[in-house]
Amino acid sequence: MSRPRERSRVRFERMLEAAGDRVRAKGLDGLTMQHVAAGAGVPIGSLCPFFPDRNALIARMFSDSRDVR
């Protein structure tokens, strides 16, 4: 895998992990794109290519069968 692709994959995984952490701590109502970006340590604009909005992020979290309880 090329370096840019590897960095992109790692960033993507950090975003999903941050989203899961936030949902576990605050529930779905507490999930915001700003909190995900902060938790992942990325600028908020970095989320947009992967998740254009909060609903897309939530859908991806559940489509990956991640445990967010």
PDB file of N, CA and C in Angstrom:
ATOM      1  N   MET A   1       0.848  -1.177   0.000  1.00  0.00           N
ATOM      2  CA  MET A   1       0.000   0.000   0.000  1.00  0.00           C
ATOM      3  C   MET A   1       0.888   1.233   0.000  1.00  0.00           C
ATOM      4  N   SER A   2       0.527   2.218  -0.792  1.00  0.00           N
ATOM      5  CA  SER A   2       1.339   3.433  -0.859  1.00  0.00           C
ATOM      6  C   SER A   2       1.193   4.235   0.429  1.00  0.00           C
ATOM      7  N   ARG A   3       2.159   5.077   0.668  1.00  0.00           N
ATOM      8  CA  ARG A   3       2.146   5.872   1.897  1.00  0.00           C
ATOM      9  C   ARG A   3       0.894   6.746   2.023  1.00  0.00           C
ATOM     10  N   PRO A   4       0.501   7.498   0.966  1.00  0.00           N
ATOM     11  CA  PRO A   4      -0.720   8.309   1.102  1.00  0.00           C
ATOM     12  C   PRO A   4      -1.951   7.453   1.404  1.00  0.00           C
ATOM     13  N   ARG A   5      -2.063   6.307   0.769  1.00  0.00           N
ATOM     14  CA  ARG A   5      -3.211   5.438   1.041  1.00  0.00           C
ATOM     15  C   ARG A   5      -3.173   4.907   2.463  1.00  0.00           C
ATOM     16  N   GLU A   6      -1.992   4.553   2.928  1.00  0.00           N
ATOM     17  CA  GLU A   6      -1.858   4.059   4.303  1.00  0.00           C
ATOM     18  C   GLU A   6      -2.234   5.150   5.300  1.00  0.00           C
ATOM     19  N   ARG A   7      -1.755   6.368   5.076  1.00  0.00           N
ATOM     20  CA  ARG A   7      -2.107   7.481   5.974  1.00  0.00           C
ATOM     21  C   ARG A   7      -3.606   7.731   5.952  1.00  0.00           C
ATOM     22  N   SER A   8      -4.194   7.661   4.771  1.00  0.00           N
ATOM     23  CA  SER A   8      -5.634   7.867   4.637  1.00  0.00           C
ATOM     24  C   SER A   8      -6.408   6.787   5.394  1.00  0.00           C
ATOM     25  N   ARG A   9      -5.976   5.538   5.276  1.00  0.00           N
ATOM     26  CA  ARG A   9      -6.648   4.441   5.972  1.00  0.00           C
ATOM     27  C   ARG A   9      -6.537   4.616   7.485  1.00  0.00           C
ATOM     28  N   VAL A  10      -5.355   4.997   7.954  1.00  0.00           N
ATOM     29  CA  VAL A  10      -5.141   5.200   9.387  1.00  0.00           C
ATOM     30  C   VAL A  10      -6.024   6.347   9.886  1.00  0.00           C
ATOM     31  N   ARG A  11      -6.075   7.425   9.136  1.00  0.00           N
ATOM     32  CA  ARG A  11      -6.906   8.573   9.514  1.00  0.00           C
ATOM     33  C   ARG A  11      -8.387   8.164   9.574  1.00  0.00           C
ATOM     34  N   PHE A  12      -8.828   7.418   8.566  1.00  0.00           N
ATOM     35  CA  PHE A  12     -10.202   6.929   8.506  1.00  0.00           C
ATOM     36  C   PHE A  12     -10.518   6.097   9.755  1.00  0.00           C
ATOM     37  N   GLU A  13      -9.629   5.189  10.113  1.00  0.00           N
ATOM     38  CA  GLU A  13      -9.838   4.348  11.297  1.00  0.00           C
ATOM     39  C   GLU A  13      -9.860   5.180  12.574  1.00  0.00           C
ATOM     40  N   ARG A  14      -9.009   6.195  12.670  1.00  0.00           N
ATOM     41  CA  ARG A  14      -9.021   7.068  13.844  1.00  0.00           C
ATOM     42  C   ARG A  14     -10.340   7.815  13.955  1.00  0.00           C
ATOM     43  N   MET A  15     -10.886   8.238  12.829  1.00  0.00           N
ATOM     44  CA  MET A  15     -12.173   8.938  12.842  1.00  0.00           C
ATOM     45  C   MET A  15     -13.285   8.017  13.336  1.00  0.00           C
ATOM     46  N   LEU A  16     -13.318   6.798  12.827  1.00  0.00           N
ATOM     47  CA  LEU A  16     -14.349   5.854  13.269  1.00  0.00           C
ATOM     48  C   LEU A  16     -14.184   5.516  14.746  1.00  0.00           C
ATOM     49  N   GLU A  17     -12.953   5.365  15.182  1.00  0.00           N
ATOM     50  CA  GLU A  17     -12.700   5.077  16.588  1.00  0.00           C
ATOM     51  C   GLU A  17     -13.150   6.240  17.473  1.00  0.00           C
ATOM     52  N   ALA A  18     -12.841   7.456  17.058  1.00  0.00           N
ATOM     53  CA  ALA A  18     -13.257   8.638  17.813  1.00  0.00           C
ATOM     54  C   ALA A  18     -14.781   8.736  17.863  1.00  0.00           C
ATOM     55  N   ALA A  19     -15.436   8.417  16.762  1.00  0.00           N
ATOM     56  CA  ALA A  19     -16.902   8.449  16.731  1.00  0.00           C
ATOM     57  C   ALA A  19     -17.465   7.414  17.694  1.00  0.00           C
ATOM     58  N   GLY A  20     -16.924   6.219  17.674  1.00  0.00           N
ATOM     59  CA  GLY A  20     -17.382   5.179  18.590  1.00  0.00           C
ATOM     60  C   GLY A  20     -17.171   5.566  20.044  1.00  0.00           C
ATOM     61  N   ASP A  21     -16.024   6.155  20.340  1.00  0.00           N
ATOM     62  CA  ASP A  21     -15.744   6.605  21.708  1.00  0.00           C
ATOM     63  C   ASP A  21     -16.769   7.639  22.154  1.00  0.00           C
ATOM     64  N   ARG A  22     -17.082   8.561  21.251  1.00  0.00           N
ATOM     65  CA  ARG A  22     -18.041   9.624  21.586  1.00  0.00           C
ATOM     66  C   ARG A  22     -19.436   9.052  21.821  1.00  0.00           C
ATOM     67  N   VAL A  23     -19.849   8.122  20.968  1.00  0.00           N
ATOM     68  CA  VAL A  23     -21.180   7.522  21.122  1.00  0.00           C
ATOM     69  C   VAL A  23     -21.255   6.733  22.432  1.00  0.00           C
ATOM     70  N   ARG A  24     -20.191   6.009  22.755  1.00  0.00           N
ATOM     71  CA  ARG A  24     -20.185   5.267  24.024  1.00  0.00           C
ATOM     72  C   ARG A  24     -20.278   6.217  25.214  1.00  0.00           C
ATOM     73  N   ALA A  25     -19.635   7.371  25.113  1.00  0.00           N
ATOM     74  CA  ALA A  25     -19.613   8.326  26.224  1.00  0.00           C
ATOM     75  C   ALA A  25     -20.878   9.170  26.314  1.00  0.00           C
ATOM     76  N   LYS A  26     -21.423   9.580  25.159  1.00  0.00           N
ATOM     77  CA  LYS A  26     -22.517  10.566  25.161  1.00  0.00           C
ATOM     78  C   LYS A  26     -23.764  10.132  24.411  1.00  0.00           C
ATOM     79  N   GLY A  27     -23.735   8.965  23.784  1.00  0.00           N
ATOM     80  CA  GLY A  27     -24.880   8.523  22.991  1.00  0.00           C
ATOM     81  C   GLY A  27     -24.892   9.188  21.624  1.00  0.00           C
ATOM     82  N   LEU A  28     -25.805   8.727  20.778  1.00  0.00           N
ATOM     83  CA  LEU A  28     -25.877   9.288  19.419  1.00  0.00           C
ATOM     84  C   LEU A  28     -26.194  10.769  19.415  1.00  0.00           C
ATOM     85  N   ASP A  29     -27.003  11.217  20.380  1.00  0.00           N
ATOM     86  CA  ASP A  29     -27.333  12.647  20.423  1.00  0.00           C
ATOM     87  C   ASP A  29     -26.103  13.505  20.698  1.00  0.00           C
ATOM     88  N   GLY A  30     -25.085  12.938  21.328  1.00  0.00           N
ATOM     89  CA  GLY A  30     -23.867  13.683  21.630  1.00  0.00           C
ATOM     90  C   GLY A  30     -22.813  13.608  20.552  1.00  0.00           C
ATOM     91  N   LEU A  31     -23.127  12.931  19.455  1.00  0.00           N
ATOM     92  CA  LEU A  31     -22.154  12.774  18.372  1.00  0.00           C
ATOM     93  C   LEU A  31     -22.217  13.965  17.430  1.00  0.00           C
ATOM     94  N   THR A  32     -21.118  14.675  17.330  1.00  0.00           N
ATOM     95  CA  THR A  32     -21.015  15.779  16.374  1.00  0.00           C
ATOM     96  C   THR A  32     -19.748  15.590  15.550  1.00  0.00           C
ATOM     97  N   MET A  33     -19.748  16.153  14.378  1.00  0.00           N
ATOM     98  CA  MET A  33     -18.576  16.076  13.520  1.00  0.00           C
ATOM     99  C   MET A  33     -17.389  16.797  14.177  1.00  0.00           C
ATOM    100  N   GLN A  34     -17.667  17.865  14.899  1.00  0.00           N
ATOM    101  CA  GLN A  34     -16.608  18.600  15.580  1.00  0.00           C
ATOM    102  C   GLN A  34     -15.937  17.721  16.637  1.00  0.00           C
ATOM    103  N   HIS A  35     -16.736  16.986  17.411  1.00  0.00           N
ATOM    104  CA  HIS A  35     -16.164  16.110  18.430  1.00  0.00           C
ATOM    105  C   HIS A  35     -15.370  14.962  17.801  1.00  0.00           C
ATOM    106  N   VAL A  36     -15.857  14.437  16.698  1.00  0.00           N
ATOM    107  CA  VAL A  36     -15.142  13.354  16.019  1.00  0.00           C
ATOM    108  C   VAL A  36     -13.791  13.859  15.520  1.00  0.00           C
ATOM    109  N   ALA A  37     -13.779  15.014  14.889  1.00  0.00           N
ATOM    110  CA  ALA A  37     -12.527  15.574  14.383  1.00  0.00           C
ATOM    111  C   ALA A  37     -11.544  15.811  15.530  1.00  0.00           C
ATOM    112  N   ALA A  38     -12.029  16.402  16.602  1.00  0.00           N
ATOM    113  CA  ALA A  38     -11.156  16.658  17.753  1.00  0.00           C
ATOM    114  C   ALA A  38     -10.633  15.352  18.346  1.00  0.00           C
ATOM    115  N   GLY A  39     -11.506  14.376  18.487  1.00  0.00           N
ATOM    116  CA  GLY A  39     -11.098  13.094  19.047  1.00  0.00           C
ATOM    117  C   GLY A  39     -10.111  12.350  18.180  1.00  0.00           C
ATOM    118  N   ALA A  40     -10.213  12.537  16.877  1.00  0.00           N
ATOM    119  CA  ALA A  40      -9.303  11.873  15.943  1.00  0.00           C
ATOM    120  C   ALA A  40      -8.031  12.682  15.715  1.00  0.00           C
ATOM    121  N   GLY A  41      -8.030  13.928  16.190  1.00  0.00           N
ATOM    122  CA  GLY A  41      -6.863  14.780  16.003  1.00  0.00           C
ATOM    123  C   GLY A  41      -6.672  15.239  14.569  1.00  0.00           C
ATOM    124  N   VAL A  42      -7.791  15.485  13.896  1.00  0.00           N
ATOM    125  CA  VAL A  42      -7.729  15.922  12.497  1.00  0.00           C
ATOM    126  C   VAL A  42      -8.572  17.183  12.325  1.00  0.00           C
ATOM    127  N   PRO A  43      -8.272  17.978  11.310  1.00  0.00           N
ATOM    128  CA  PRO A  43      -9.131  19.125  11.012  1.00  0.00           C
ATOM    129  C   PRO A  43     -10.515  18.630  10.567  1.00  0.00           C
ATOM    130  N   ILE A  44     -11.535  19.397  10.875  1.00  0.00           N
ATOM    131  CA  ILE A  44     -12.893  18.973  10.536  1.00  0.00           C
ATOM    132  C   ILE A  44     -13.058  18.745   9.030  1.00  0.00           C
ATOM    133  N   GLY A  45     -12.345  19.502   8.229  1.00  0.00           N
ATOM    134  CA  GLY A  45     -12.424  19.324   6.785  1.00  0.00           C
ATOM    135  C   GLY A  45     -11.929  17.961   6.315  1.00  0.00           C
ATOM    136  N   SER A  46     -11.145  17.302   7.145  1.00  0.00           N
ATOM    137  CA  SER A  46     -10.649  15.967   6.794  1.00  0.00           C
ATOM    138  C   SER A  46     -11.745  14.911   6.857  1.00  0.00           C
ATOM    139  N   LEU A  47     -12.820  15.184   7.580  1.00  0.00           N
ATOM    140  CA  LEU A  47     -13.916  14.220   7.676  1.00  0.00           C
ATOM    141  C   LEU A  47     -14.749  14.187   6.387  1.00  0.00           C
ATOM    142  N   CYS A  48     -14.886  15.332   5.740  1.00  0.00           N
ATOM    143  CA  CYS A  48     -15.813  15.465   4.607  1.00  0.00           C
ATOM    144  C   CYS A  48     -15.596  14.484   3.458  1.00  0.00           C
ATOM    145  N   PRO A  49     -14.356  14.185   3.051  1.00  0.00           N
ATOM    146  CA  PRO A  49     -14.208  13.216   1.962  1.00  0.00           C
ATOM    147  C   PRO A  49     -14.697  11.818   2.339  1.00  0.00           C
ATOM    148  N   PHE A  50     -14.640  11.493   3.612  1.00  0.00           N
ATOM    149  CA  PHE A  50     -15.061  10.179   4.079  1.00  0.00           C
ATOM    150  C   PHE A  50     -16.520  10.163   4.511  1.00  0.00           C
ATOM    151  N   PHE A  51     -16.918  11.222   5.204  1.00  0.00           N
ATOM    152  CA  PHE A  51     -18.259  11.318   5.780  1.00  0.00           C
ATOM    153  C   PHE A  51     -18.815  12.715   5.507  1.00  0.00           C
ATOM    154  N   PRO A  52     -19.631  12.867   4.480  1.00  0.00           N
ATOM    155  CA  PRO A  52     -20.123  14.204   4.134  1.00  0.00           C
ATOM    156  C   PRO A  52     -21.017  14.830   5.209  1.00  0.00           C
ATOM    157  N   ASP A  53     -21.601  13.990   6.070  1.00  0.00           N
ATOM    158  CA  ASP A  53     -22.424  14.513   7.152  1.00  0.00           C
ATOM    159  C   ASP A  53     -22.509  13.476   8.275  1.00  0.00           C
ATOM    160  N   ARG A  54     -23.128  13.878   9.344  1.00  0.00           N
ATOM    161  CA  ARG A  54     -23.247  13.033  10.536  1.00  0.00           C
ATOM    162  C   ARG A  54     -23.965  11.718  10.219  1.00  0.00           C
ATOM    163  N   ASN A  55     -24.999  11.774   9.417  1.00  0.00           N
ATOM    164  CA  ASN A  55     -25.743  10.559   9.079  1.00  0.00           C
ATOM    165  C   ASN A  55     -24.883   9.550   8.321  1.00  0.00           C
ATOM    166  N   ALA A  56     -24.024  10.040   7.450  1.00  0.00           N
ATOM    167  CA  ALA A  56     -23.118   9.146   6.718  1.00  0.00           C
ATOM    168  C   ALA A  56     -22.133   8.482   7.676  1.00  0.00           C
ATOM    169  N   LEU A  57     -21.672   9.234   8.656  1.00  0.00           N
ATOM    170  CA  LEU A  57     -20.767   8.684   9.663  1.00  0.00           C
ATOM    171  C   LEU A  57     -21.461   7.594  10.475  1.00  0.00           C
ATOM    172  N   ILE A  58     -22.663   7.876  10.924  1.00  0.00           N
ATOM    173  CA  ILE A  58     -23.420   6.895  11.707  1.00  0.00           C
ATOM    174  C   ILE A  58     -23.693   5.644  10.880  1.00  0.00           C
ATOM    175  N   ALA A  59     -24.092   5.828   9.636  1.00  0.00           N
ATOM    176  CA  ALA A  59     -24.367   4.682   8.768  1.00  0.00           C
ATOM    177  C   ALA A  59     -23.119   3.817   8.618  1.00  0.00           C
ATOM    178  N   ARG A  60     -21.972   4.452   8.441  1.00  0.00           N
ATOM    179  CA  ARG A  60     -20.731   3.685   8.287  1.00  0.00           C
ATOM    180  C   ARG A  60     -20.366   2.955   9.567  1.00  0.00           C
ATOM    181  N   MET A  61     -20.578   3.601  10.695  1.00  0.00           N
ATOM    182  CA  MET A  61     -20.290   2.953  11.974  1.00  0.00           C
ATOM    183  C   MET A  61     -21.090   1.660  12.108  1.00  0.00           C
ATOM    184  N   PHE A  62     -22.353   1.726  11.763  1.00  0.00           N
ATOM    185  CA  PHE A  62     -23.200   0.551  11.915  1.00  0.00           C
ATOM    186  C   PHE A  62     -23.014  -0.455  10.791  1.00  0.00           C
ATOM    187  N   SER A  63     -22.641   0.002   9.603  1.00  0.00           N
ATOM    188  CA  SER A  63     -22.416  -0.939   8.510  1.00  0.00           C
ATOM    189  C   SER A  63     -21.155  -1.766   8.755  1.00  0.00           C
ATOM    190  N   ASP A  64     -20.232  -1.210   9.528  1.00  0.00           N
ATOM    191  CA  ASP A  64     -19.017  -1.947   9.881  1.00  0.00           C
ATOM    192  C   ASP A  64     -19.229  -2.866  11.081  1.00  0.00           C
ATOM    193  N   SER A  65     -20.466  -2.883  11.597  1.00  0.00           N
ATOM    194  CA  SER A  65     -20.799  -3.707  12.769  1.00  0.00           C
ATOM    195  C   SER A  65     -19.896  -3.405  13.945  1.00  0.00           C
ATOM    196  N   ARG A  66     -19.579  -2.151  14.116  1.00  0.00           N
ATOM    197  CA  ARG A  66     -18.759  -1.751  15.259  1.00  0.00           C
ATOM    198  C   ARG A  66     -19.645  -1.700  16.494  1.00  0.00           C
ATOM    199  N   ASP A  67     -19.082  -2.103  17.613  1.00  0.00           N
ATOM    200  CA  ASP A  67     -19.807  -2.076  18.879  1.00  0.00           C
ATOM    201  C   ASP A  67     -19.697  -0.675  19.457  1.00  0.00           C
ATOM    202  N   VAL A  68     -20.813   0.043  19.506  1.00  0.00           N
ATOM    203  CA  VAL A  68     -20.807   1.409  20.039  1.00  0.00           C
ATOM    204  C   VAL A  68     -21.547   1.501  21.365  1.00  0.00           C
ATOM    205  N   ARG A  69     -21.828   0.361  21.961  1.00  0.00           N
ATOM    206  CA  ARG A  69     -22.511   0.375  23.271  1.00  0.00           C
ATOM    207  C   ARG A  69     -21.557   0.643  24.384  1.00  0.00           C
TER     208      ARG A  69
END
